Amino acid sequence: ITYDVVIIGSGCGGGVSAATLANAGYKVIILEKGPFVSPYDMTNLESDMFDQLYEQSSLLTTDDGNVMILAGSGLGGGSAINWGCCIETPDEVRREWADAHGLENFRPVGGGVQ
């Protein structure tokens, strides 16, 4: 089997890179060391999912042990865990950012979250 590109990791960066390269005509393979966890096997309880979705069961630390690192490890990488933080910012908050801090690019243009 021959590939033009090997992508290490299936998270957001790996997935987008693989799709972009494949659409450009390259033969791409994605390697993922973490497991596939079916949505049917997810309990939505952190205590249950640490072993299945996090690097070293969520016990990954720096070499000196001073910093804990929560790193996703599985099909989809960290995006399989962090997708829930991708909710739309409410219009009232965006208005406050624009009014109080001059961040006009964040001002809602209508139809946003109330």
Protein backbone atom coordinates (compact mmCIF):
# COMPACT_ATOMS: atom_id res chain seq x y z
CA ILE A 1 0.00 0.00 0.00
CA THR A 2 1.39 3.39 -0.99
CA TYR A 3 0.30 6.82 0.25
CA ASP A 4 1.43 10.32 -0.56
CA VAL A 5 0.76 11.61 2.95
CA VAL A 6 0.51 10.05 6.41
CA ILE A 7 -1.48 12.09 8.93
CA ILE A 8 -0.81 11.31 12.59
CA GLY A 9 -3.95 11.87 14.66
CA SER A 10 -7.61 12.13 13.71
CA GLY A 11 -8.52 15.27 15.64
CA CYS A 12 -9.56 18.59 14.14
CA GLY A 13 -6.14 19.34 12.62
CA GLY A 14 -5.58 15.84 11.27
CA GLY A 15 -9.10 15.49 9.91
CA VAL A 16 -9.10 18.82 8.10
CA SER A 17 -5.59 18.27 6.75
CA ALA A 18 -6.51 14.82 5.48
CA ALA A 19 -9.69 16.06 3.79
CA THR A 20 -7.91 19.01 2.17
CA LEU A 21 -5.10 16.83 0.84
CA ALA A 22 -7.46 14.08 -0.34
CA ASN A 23 -9.60 16.67 -2.16
CA ALA A 24 -6.41 17.90 -3.85
CA GLY A 25 -5.84 14.39 -5.21
CA TYR A 26 -3.32 12.99 -2.72
CA LYS A 27 -3.59 9.46 -1.35
CA VAL A 28 -3.91 9.99 2.40
CA ILE A 29 -3.99 7.69 5.40
CA ILE A 30 -4.76 8.76 8.98
CA LEU A 31 -3.11 6.91 11.86
CA GLU A 32 -4.82 7.12 15.25
CA LYS A 33 -3.47 5.38 18.34
CA GLY A 34 -6.59 5.93 20.41
CA PRO A 35 -9.69 3.74 20.32
CA PHE A 36 -13.01 4.20 18.58
CA VAL A 37 -15.67 4.74 21.22
CA SER A 38 -19.19 4.41 19.90
CA PRO A 39 -21.66 7.12 20.94
CA TYR A 40 -23.75 4.27 22.35
CA ASP A 41 -20.90 3.41 24.72
CA MET A 42 -20.52 6.96 26.06
CA THR A 43 -22.13 7.56 29.43
CA ASN A 44 -21.57 11.37 29.58
CA LEU A 45 -20.05 10.84 33.03
CA GLU A 46 -16.45 12.03 33.24
CA SER A 47 -15.52 9.35 35.74
CA ASP A 48 -16.58 6.66 33.27
CA MET A 49 -15.03 8.23 30.20
CA PHE A 50 -11.56 9.23 31.47
CA ASP A 51 -10.23 5.72 30.80
CA GLN A 52 -11.67 5.56 27.30
CA LEU A 53 -11.22 9.08 25.91
CA TYR A 54 -8.13 10.60 27.55
CA GLU A 55 -4.42 10.02 27.17
CA GLN A 56 -3.17 7.86 30.05
CA SER A 57 -6.69 7.78 31.51
CA SER A 58 -6.43 11.55 32.18
CA LEU A 59 -3.34 11.09 34.35
CA LEU A 60 -0.83 12.60 31.90
CA THR A 61 1.56 15.04 33.57
CA THR A 62 4.70 16.96 32.75
CA ASP A 63 7.94 15.14 33.52
CA ASP A 64 8.24 16.91 36.87
CA GLY A 65 4.60 16.12 37.77
CA ASN A 66 3.70 19.75 38.39
CA VAL A 67 1.15 20.11 35.59
CA MET A 68 -1.71 17.76 34.69
CA ILE A 69 -2.57 17.64 31.00
CA LEU A 70 -6.03 16.60 29.83
CA ALA A 71 -5.41 15.34 26.30
CA GLY A 72 -7.97 13.50 24.23
CA SER A 73 -6.88 10.17 22.85
CA GLY A 74 -9.23 8.39 20.52
CA LEU A 75 -10.84 8.55 17.13
CA GLY A 76 -11.49 12.27 16.67
CA GLY A 77 -8.78 13.32 19.13
CA GLY A 78 -9.57 16.16 21.49
CA SER A 79 -12.49 17.20 19.31
CA ALA A 80 -14.36 14.08 20.42
CA ILE A 81 -14.27 15.57 23.92
CA ASN A 82 -14.23 19.31 23.38
CA TRP A 83 -17.01 19.66 20.80
CA GLY A 84 -19.41 20.60 23.59
CA CYS A 85 -17.62 23.90 24.16
CA CYS A 86 -18.48 24.99 20.63
CA ILE A 87 -21.78 26.66 21.41
CA GLU A 88 -22.78 29.96 19.88
CA THR A 89 -22.10 33.00 22.05
CA PRO A 90 -25.38 34.72 23.01
CA ASP A 91 -26.11 38.05 21.27
CA GLU A 92 -26.27 39.92 24.59
CA VAL A 93 -22.68 38.91 25.36
CA ARG A 94 -21.49 39.80 21.85
CA ARG A 95 -23.20 43.23 22.17
CA GLU A 96 -21.43 43.79 25.48
CA TRP A 97 -18.06 42.95 23.92
CA ALA A 98 -18.74 45.39 21.08
CA ASP A 99 -20.12 48.18 23.29
CA ALA A 100 -17.78 47.93 26.25
CA HIS A 101 -14.58 46.95 24.48
CA GLY A 102 -14.97 48.26 20.94
CA LEU A 103 -14.90 44.78 19.40
CA GLU A 104 -17.17 45.59 16.47
CA ASN A 105 -16.42 42.34 14.65
CA PHE A 106 -18.30 40.53 17.42
CA ARG A 107 -21.42 42.68 17.19
CA PRO A 108 -24.37 40.41 16.25
CA VAL A 109 -25.88 41.04 12.84
CA GLY A 110 -29.24 39.45 13.73
CA GLY A 111 -30.61 35.95 13.98
CA GLY A 112 -28.11 34.89 16.64
CA VAL A 113 -28.63 33.26 20.01
CA GLN A 114 -30.98 35.14 22.35
